[in-house]
Amino acid sequence: MPDKTLAETVNQIISYWGLGSLGGLAVYLNQVRKWTKFSFIMLWINIFLAWWIWWMAWEMLPANDFKNSLVSISGFLAYPLLDLLEKEWIKLFINRILWKG
């Protein structure tokens, strides 16, 4: 079987980027529906972060049967993962740098 052509690779990247962005959009709109006020800036930040998580997953995962599925849902998982990391980094910052007791 021949390797993928450049057009096929670009098409796959664009389709996965769209899925990752759609996942980030879905998470943000779900939060707006529940408890936050809608903001275009936060929407674009969330879509960008979803795309960034998608790109990291795309680059780090080896080519196997599960890569397509994991990359597709990575955008949806971007906000909860970054929210958890943000809370932990804030705790670390406060405990290690601000509070030297």
N, C-alpha and C. Protein backbone atom coordinates (compact mmCIF):
# COMPACT_ATOMS: atom_id res chain seq x y z
N MET A 1 0.86 -1.18 0.00
CA MET A 1 0.00 0.00 0.00
C MET A 1 0.90 1.24 0.00
N PRO A 2 0.68 2.18 -0.90
CA PRO A 2 1.53 3.37 -0.97
C PRO A 2 1.28 4.31 0.20
N ASP A 3 2.29 5.14 0.50
CA ASP A 3 2.14 6.14 1.55
C ASP A 3 1.09 7.17 1.15
N LYS A 4 0.62 7.90 2.14
CA LYS A 4 -0.38 8.93 1.87
C LYS A 4 0.24 10.06 1.07
N THR A 5 -0.56 10.63 0.22
CA THR A 5 -0.10 11.80 -0.52
C THR A 5 -0.22 13.02 0.38
N LEU A 6 0.37 14.11 -0.06
CA LEU A 6 0.32 15.35 0.71
C LEU A 6 -1.13 15.83 0.86
N ALA A 7 -1.91 15.72 -0.18
CA ALA A 7 -3.31 16.15 -0.12
C ALA A 7 -4.10 15.34 0.90
N GLU A 8 -3.86 14.04 0.96
CA GLU A 8 -4.56 13.21 1.94
C GLU A 8 -4.14 13.56 3.37
N THR A 9 -2.87 13.83 3.56
CA THR A 9 -2.39 14.20 4.89
C THR A 9 -2.97 15.54 5.33
N VAL A 10 -2.99 16.52 4.44
CA VAL A 10 -3.56 17.83 4.76
C VAL A 10 -5.05 17.70 5.05
N ASN A 11 -5.75 16.91 4.28
CA ASN A 11 -7.18 16.69 4.50
C ASN A 11 -7.42 16.06 5.86
N GLN A 12 -6.60 15.11 6.24
CA GLN A 12 -6.76 14.46 7.53
C GLN A 12 -6.47 15.45 8.67
N ILE A 13 -5.44 16.26 8.53
CA ILE A 13 -5.12 17.24 9.57
C ILE A 13 -6.24 18.26 9.72
N ILE A 14 -6.78 18.74 8.62
CA ILE A 14 -7.86 19.73 8.69
C ILE A 14 -9.11 19.12 9.32
N SER A 15 -9.42 17.88 8.98
CA SER A 15 -10.62 17.25 9.54
C SER A 15 -10.45 17.01 11.03
N TYR A 16 -9.27 16.58 11.48
CA TYR A 16 -9.05 16.38 12.90
C TYR A 16 -9.00 17.70 13.65
N TRP A 17 -8.42 18.74 13.04
CA TRP A 17 -8.42 20.05 13.66
C TRP A 17 -9.85 20.52 13.88
N GLY A 18 -10.69 20.29 12.89
CA GLY A 18 -12.10 20.65 13.02
C GLY A 18 -12.78 19.89 14.13
N LEU A 19 -12.49 18.60 14.25
CA LEU A 19 -13.09 17.80 15.33
C LEU A 19 -12.59 18.27 16.69
N GLY A 20 -11.29 18.57 16.80
CA GLY A 20 -10.76 19.07 18.06
C GLY A 20 -11.37 20.40 18.44
N SER A 21 -11.50 21.30 17.47
CA SER A 21 -12.10 22.60 17.73
C SER A 21 -13.57 22.47 18.09
N LEU A 22 -14.26 21.56 17.43
CA LEU A 22 -15.67 21.33 17.73
C LEU A 22 -15.83 20.81 19.15
N GLY A 23 -14.90 19.96 19.58
CA GLY A 23 -14.94 19.48 20.96
C GLY A 23 -14.75 20.61 21.96
N GLY A 24 -13.78 21.50 21.67
CA GLY A 24 -13.57 22.66 22.55
C GLY A 24 -14.78 23.57 22.58
N LEU A 25 -15.41 23.77 21.42
CA LEU A 25 -16.62 24.58 21.33
C LEU A 25 -17.75 23.96 22.15
N ALA A 26 -17.90 22.65 22.06
CA ALA A 26 -18.96 21.95 22.79
C ALA A 26 -18.79 22.10 24.30
N VAL A 27 -17.57 21.96 24.78
CA VAL A 27 -17.33 22.10 26.21
C VAL A 27 -17.62 23.52 26.67
N TYR A 28 -17.17 24.51 25.91
CA TYR A 28 -17.39 25.90 26.30
C TYR A 28 -18.88 26.25 26.30
N LEU A 29 -19.59 25.85 25.27
CA LEU A 29 -21.02 26.15 25.21
C LEU A 29 -21.79 25.43 26.31
N ASN A 30 -21.32 24.25 26.71
CA ASN A 30 -21.94 23.55 27.82
C ASN A 30 -21.74 24.33 29.11
N GLN A 31 -20.56 24.91 29.30
CA GLN A 31 -20.32 25.73 30.49
C GLN A 31 -21.17 26.99 30.47
N VAL A 32 -21.31 27.60 29.32
CA VAL A 32 -22.15 28.79 29.20
C VAL A 32 -23.59 28.44 29.54
N ARG A 33 -24.02 27.30 29.09
CA ARG A 33 -25.38 26.86 29.37
C ARG A 33 -25.59 26.65 30.87
N LYS A 34 -24.56 26.21 31.56
CA LYS A 34 -24.71 25.89 32.98
C LYS A 34 -24.47 27.08 33.91
N TRP A 35 -23.31 27.77 33.78
CA TRP A 35 -23.02 28.76 34.81
C TRP A 35 -22.21 29.98 34.40
N THR A 36 -21.65 30.06 33.24
CA THR A 36 -20.82 31.21 32.90
C THR A 36 -21.49 32.10 31.87
N LYS A 37 -21.03 33.34 31.82
CA LYS A 37 -21.52 34.30 30.83
C LYS A 37 -20.73 34.11 29.54
N PHE A 38 -21.40 34.21 28.40
CA PHE A 38 -20.75 33.99 27.11
C PHE A 38 -19.79 35.13 26.79
N SER A 39 -18.61 34.75 26.28
CA SER A 39 -17.60 35.73 25.89
C SER A 39 -16.90 35.20 24.64
N PHE A 40 -16.84 36.04 23.59
CA PHE A 40 -16.16 35.62 22.37
C PHE A 40 -14.68 35.36 22.60
N ILE A 41 -14.07 36.15 23.48
CA ILE A 41 -12.65 35.96 23.75
C ILE A 41 -12.41 34.60 24.39
N MET A 42 -13.21 34.26 25.38
CA MET A 42 -13.05 32.95 26.03
C MET A 42 -13.38 31.82 25.07
N LEU A 43 -14.34 32.04 24.18
CA LEU A 43 -14.66 31.03 23.17
C LEU A 43 -13.44 30.75 22.30
N TRP A 44 -12.79 31.80 21.80
CA TRP A 44 -11.62 31.61 20.93
C TRP A 44 -10.44 31.05 21.69
N ILE A 45 -10.28 31.45 22.94
CA ILE A 45 -9.21 30.87 23.75
C ILE A 45 -9.45 29.38 23.94
N ASN A 46 -10.68 29.00 24.23
CA ASN A 46 -10.99 27.59 24.43
C ASN A 46 -10.80 26.79 23.15
N ILE A 47 -11.19 27.35 22.01
CA ILE A 47 -10.99 26.65 20.73
C ILE A 47 -9.49 26.52 20.44
N PHE A 48 -8.72 27.57 20.72
CA PHE A 48 -7.28 27.50 20.51
C PHE A 48 -6.65 26.43 21.41
N LEU A 49 -7.05 26.39 22.68
CA LEU A 49 -6.50 25.39 23.59
C LEU A 49 -6.90 23.97 23.17
N ALA A 50 -8.11 23.82 22.68
CA ALA A 50 -8.54 22.51 22.19
C ALA A 50 -7.70 22.11 20.99
N TRP A 51 -7.43 23.07 20.10
CA TRP A 51 -6.57 22.77 18.95
C TRP A 51 -5.16 22.41 19.40
N TRP A 52 -4.64 23.10 20.40
CA TRP A 52 -3.29 22.84 20.89
C TRP A 52 -3.20 21.44 21.51
N ILE A 53 -4.19 21.07 22.32
CA ILE A 53 -4.23 19.72 22.89
C ILE A 53 -4.34 18.69 21.77
N TRP A 54 -5.15 19.00 20.75
CA TRP A 54 -5.28 18.09 19.62
C TRP A 54 -3.93 17.90 18.94
N TRP A 55 -3.19 18.98 18.72
CA TRP A 55 -1.90 18.88 18.04
C TRP A 55 -0.90 18.08 18.86
N MET A 56 -0.91 18.27 20.18
CA MET A 56 -0.01 17.48 21.04
C MET A 56 -0.36 16.00 20.95
N ALA A 57 -1.64 15.69 20.97
CA ALA A 57 -2.05 14.28 20.87
C ALA A 57 -1.66 13.72 19.51
N TRP A 58 -1.83 14.51 18.46
CA TRP A 58 -1.49 14.07 17.10
C TRP A 58 -0.01 13.74 16.99
N GLU A 59 0.83 14.58 17.56
CA GLU A 59 2.28 14.41 17.45
C GLU A 59 2.82 13.31 18.37
N MET A 60 2.22 13.14 19.54
CA MET A 60 2.78 12.21 20.52
C MET A 60 2.31 10.77 20.36
N LEU A 61 1.10 10.58 19.89
CA LEU A 61 0.58 9.22 19.81
C LEU A 61 1.15 8.49 18.60
N PRO A 62 1.55 7.24 18.80
CA PRO A 62 2.04 6.46 17.66
C PRO A 62 0.88 6.09 16.73
N ALA A 63 1.20 5.83 15.50
CA ALA A 63 0.17 5.45 14.53
C ALA A 63 -0.33 4.05 14.86
N ASN A 64 -1.56 3.97 15.30
CA ASN A 64 -2.20 2.68 15.57
C ASN A 64 -3.70 2.82 15.38
N ASP A 65 -4.44 1.79 15.75
CA ASP A 65 -5.89 1.80 15.53
C ASP A 65 -6.62 2.83 16.38
N PHE A 66 -6.05 3.18 17.53
CA PHE A 66 -6.74 4.08 18.46
C PHE A 66 -6.39 5.55 18.27
N LYS A 67 -5.38 5.85 17.46
CA LYS A 67 -4.94 7.24 17.32
C LYS A 67 -6.05 8.13 16.80
N ASN A 68 -6.77 7.69 15.79
CA ASN A 68 -7.83 8.52 15.22
C ASN A 68 -8.90 8.86 16.25
N SER A 69 -9.30 7.89 17.05
CA SER A 69 -10.34 8.13 18.06
C SER A 69 -9.84 9.04 19.17
N LEU A 70 -8.63 8.80 19.65
CA LEU A 70 -8.09 9.61 20.74
C LEU A 70 -7.86 11.05 20.31
N VAL A 71 -7.38 11.24 19.11
CA VAL A 71 -7.16 12.60 18.61
C VAL A 71 -8.50 13.31 18.44
N SER A 72 -9.51 12.61 18.01
CA SER A 72 -10.82 13.22 17.79
C SER A 72 -11.45 13.73 19.09
N ILE A 73 -11.28 13.00 20.19
CA ILE A 73 -11.90 13.44 21.44
C ILE A 73 -10.99 14.33 22.27
N SER A 74 -9.75 14.53 21.85
CA SER A 74 -8.82 15.34 22.64
C SER A 74 -9.30 16.78 22.80
N GLY A 75 -9.94 17.33 21.78
CA GLY A 75 -10.46 18.70 21.91
C GLY A 75 -11.55 18.81 22.95
N PHE A 76 -12.38 17.79 23.06
CA PHE A 76 -13.44 17.79 24.07
C PHE A 76 -12.85 17.71 25.47
N LEU A 77 -11.72 17.03 25.59
CA LEU A 77 -11.09 16.86 26.89
C LEU A 77 -10.16 18.02 27.25
N ALA A 78 -9.96 18.96 26.35
CA ALA A 78 -8.98 20.03 26.58
C ALA A 78 -9.34 20.88 27.79
N TYR A 79 -10.55 21.35 27.88
CA TYR A 79 -10.88 22.28 28.95
C TYR A 79 -10.82 21.62 30.33
N PRO A 80 -11.41 20.45 30.53
CA PRO A 80 -11.30 19.84 31.87
C PRO A 80 -9.85 19.57 32.28
N LEU A 81 -9.01 19.14 31.33
CA LEU A 81 -7.61 18.88 31.65
C LEU A 81 -6.88 20.16 32.00
N LEU A 82 -7.09 21.21 31.22
CA LEU A 82 -6.43 22.48 31.49
C LEU A 82 -6.95 23.13 32.77
N ASP A 83 -8.22 22.94 33.08
CA ASP A 83 -8.78 23.45 34.32
C ASP A 83 -8.11 22.77 35.52
N LEU A 84 -7.93 21.47 35.44
CA LEU A 84 -7.26 20.73 36.51
C LEU A 84 -5.81 21.18 36.65
N LEU A 85 -5.11 21.30 35.52
CA LEU A 85 -3.72 21.74 35.57
C LEU A 85 -3.60 23.15 36.15
N GLU A 86 -4.53 24.03 35.77
CA GLU A 86 -4.49 25.40 36.27
C GLU A 86 -4.63 25.43 37.79
N LYS A 87 -5.56 24.65 38.31
CA LYS A 87 -5.74 24.61 39.76
C LYS A 87 -4.50 24.08 40.46
N GLU A 88 -3.91 23.04 39.91
CA GLU A 88 -2.71 22.47 40.53
C GLU A 88 -1.52 23.41 40.42
N TRP A 89 -1.36 24.11 39.29
CA TRP A 89 -0.26 25.06 39.15
C TRP A 89 -0.41 26.23 40.10
N ILE A 90 -1.64 26.68 40.33
CA ILE A 90 -1.88 27.77 41.26
C ILE A 90 -1.52 27.33 42.68
N LYS A 91 -1.91 26.12 43.05
CA LYS A 91 -1.55 25.61 44.38
C LYS A 91 -0.03 25.51 44.52
N LEU A 92 0.63 25.00 43.50
CA LEU A 92 2.08 24.88 43.54
C LEU A 92 2.74 26.25 43.64
N PHE A 93 2.25 27.22 42.87
CA PHE A 93 2.78 28.57 42.88
C PHE A 93 2.63 29.20 44.26
N ILE A 94 1.47 29.04 44.87
CA ILE A 94 1.23 29.62 46.19
C ILE A 94 2.10 28.93 47.24
N ASN A 95 2.14 27.62 47.20
CA ASN A 95 2.87 26.88 48.23
C ASN A 95 4.38 27.03 48.11
N ARG A 96 4.92 27.06 46.92
CA ARG A 96 6.37 27.08 46.74
C ARG A 96 6.97 28.47 46.64
N ILE A 97 6.26 29.38 46.03
CA ILE A 97 6.86 30.68 45.75
C ILE A 97 6.33 31.77 46.68
N LEU A 98 5.03 31.86 46.83
CA LEU A 98 4.46 32.94 47.64
C LEU A 98 4.53 32.64 49.13
N TRP A 99 4.31 31.42 49.49
CA TRP A 99 4.26 31.06 50.90
C TRP A 99 5.48 30.22 51.24
N LYS A 100 6.51 30.86 51.74
CA LYS A 100 7.75 30.16 52.06
C LYS A 100 7.86 29.96 53.56
N GLY A 101 6.80 29.42 54.14
CA GLY A 101 6.78 29.28 55.59
C GLY A 101 7.25 27.95 56.09
